[in-house]
Amino acid sequence: MKSAVNLKKALDVRCIKFGNYIVNNMTTVRATAKKFGISKSTVHKDVSVRLKKLDFNLYEKVHKVLEKNKRERHIRGGIATRKKYKGV
């Protein structure tokens, strides 16, 4: 039973860590996943489902950053395409 409690605690710590990283660095889920060497779906689930139950204030801050990223992603896509074809 202790291992289940330790696992839950580790997941909670991970969720908080991801949330703080996203808010402090204004990063995307993809960049956060790359930084921590974990899948995007894991990061997304941690910050959108688990974090909401753990720390609602941090969840709201993360949600604002992710919404901002969502609104701007078409711009980043255009920049990436331009760089690709200009050879930069």
Protein backbone atom coordinates (compact mmCIF):
# COMPACT_ATOMS: atom_id res chain seq x y z
CA MET A 1 0.00 0.00 0.00
CA LYS A 2 2.89 2.38 0.68
CA SER A 3 4.03 2.14 -2.93
CA ALA A 4 0.64 3.35 -4.16
CA VAL A 5 0.84 6.33 -1.81
CA ASN A 6 4.38 7.12 -2.96
CA LEU A 7 3.31 6.87 -6.59
CA LYS A 8 0.41 9.29 -6.00
CA LYS A 9 2.76 11.69 -4.24
CA ALA A 10 5.26 11.47 -7.12
CA LEU A 11 2.49 12.19 -9.65
CA ASP A 12 1.33 15.17 -7.61
CA VAL A 13 4.86 16.58 -7.45
CA ARG A 14 5.29 16.05 -11.19
CA CYS A 15 2.03 17.89 -11.96
CA ILE A 16 3.08 20.87 -9.85
CA LYS A 17 6.53 20.86 -11.47
CA PHE A 18 5.07 20.88 -14.99
CA GLY A 19 2.58 23.60 -14.08
CA ASN A 20 5.23 25.85 -12.57
CA TYR A 21 7.53 25.32 -15.55
CA ILE A 22 4.81 26.27 -18.03
CA VAL A 23 3.81 29.39 -16.09
CA ASN A 24 7.35 30.58 -15.30
CA ASN A 25 8.70 30.03 -18.81
CA MET A 26 5.50 30.64 -20.82
CA THR A 27 6.16 27.42 -22.72
CA THR A 28 4.00 25.06 -24.71
CA VAL A 29 3.06 21.51 -23.76
CA ARG A 30 5.45 20.29 -26.47
CA ALA A 31 8.39 22.30 -25.10
CA THR A 32 7.64 21.15 -21.56
CA ALA A 33 7.50 17.52 -22.67
CA LYS A 34 10.82 17.89 -24.46
CA LYS A 35 12.45 19.56 -21.43
CA PHE A 36 11.40 16.76 -19.06
CA GLY A 37 11.79 13.90 -21.55
CA ILE A 38 8.19 12.75 -21.28
CA SER A 39 5.31 12.49 -23.76
CA LYS A 40 3.11 15.44 -24.68
CA SER A 41 -0.01 13.52 -23.73
CA THR A 42 1.35 12.90 -20.23
CA VAL A 43 2.17 16.57 -19.74
CA HIS A 44 -1.21 17.60 -21.10
CA LYS A 45 -3.10 15.20 -18.82
CA ASP A 46 -1.05 16.29 -15.81
CA VAL A 47 -1.67 20.02 -16.31
CA SER A 48 -5.25 19.83 -17.53
CA VAL A 49 -6.80 17.07 -15.42
CA ARG A 50 -4.65 16.24 -12.41
CA LEU A 51 -3.48 19.78 -11.68
CA LYS A 52 -7.06 21.05 -11.58
CA LYS A 53 -7.70 18.80 -8.57
CA LEU A 54 -4.37 19.55 -6.87
CA ASP A 55 -3.89 23.30 -7.17
CA PHE A 56 -6.71 25.18 -8.86
CA ASN A 57 -4.91 28.55 -8.79
CA LEU A 58 -1.89 27.12 -10.60
CA TYR A 59 -4.24 25.30 -12.99
CA GLU A 60 -5.88 28.62 -13.94
CA LYS A 61 -2.48 30.21 -14.63
CA VAL A 62 -1.41 27.25 -16.76
CA HIS A 63 -4.74 27.32 -18.60
CA LYS A 64 -4.21 30.99 -19.50
CA VAL A 65 -0.74 30.26 -20.90
CA LEU A 66 -2.02 27.28 -22.89
CA GLU A 67 -4.94 29.28 -24.29
CA LYS A 68 -2.52 32.03 -25.35
CA ASN A 69 -0.34 29.40 -27.05
CA LYS A 70 -3.39 27.99 -28.80
CA ARG A 71 -4.35 31.42 -30.14
CA GLU A 72 -0.81 32.01 -31.42
CA ARG A 73 0.04 28.60 -32.85
CA HIS A 74 -0.93 29.50 -36.42
CA ILE A 75 1.62 32.31 -36.30
CA ARG A 76 4.39 29.98 -35.07
CA GLY A 77 3.45 27.54 -37.83
CA GLY A 78 3.82 30.26 -40.45
CA ILE A 79 7.20 31.28 -39.08
CA ALA A 80 8.39 27.66 -39.13
CA THR A 81 7.26 27.25 -42.75
CA ARG A 82 9.01 30.47 -43.76
CA LYS A 83 12.25 29.30 -42.13
CA LYS A 84 11.96 25.92 -43.81
CA TYR A 85 11.72 27.38 -47.30
CA LYS A 86 14.24 30.16 -46.79
CA GLY A 87 16.79 27.66 -45.47
CA VAL A 88 17.30 29.44 -42.15
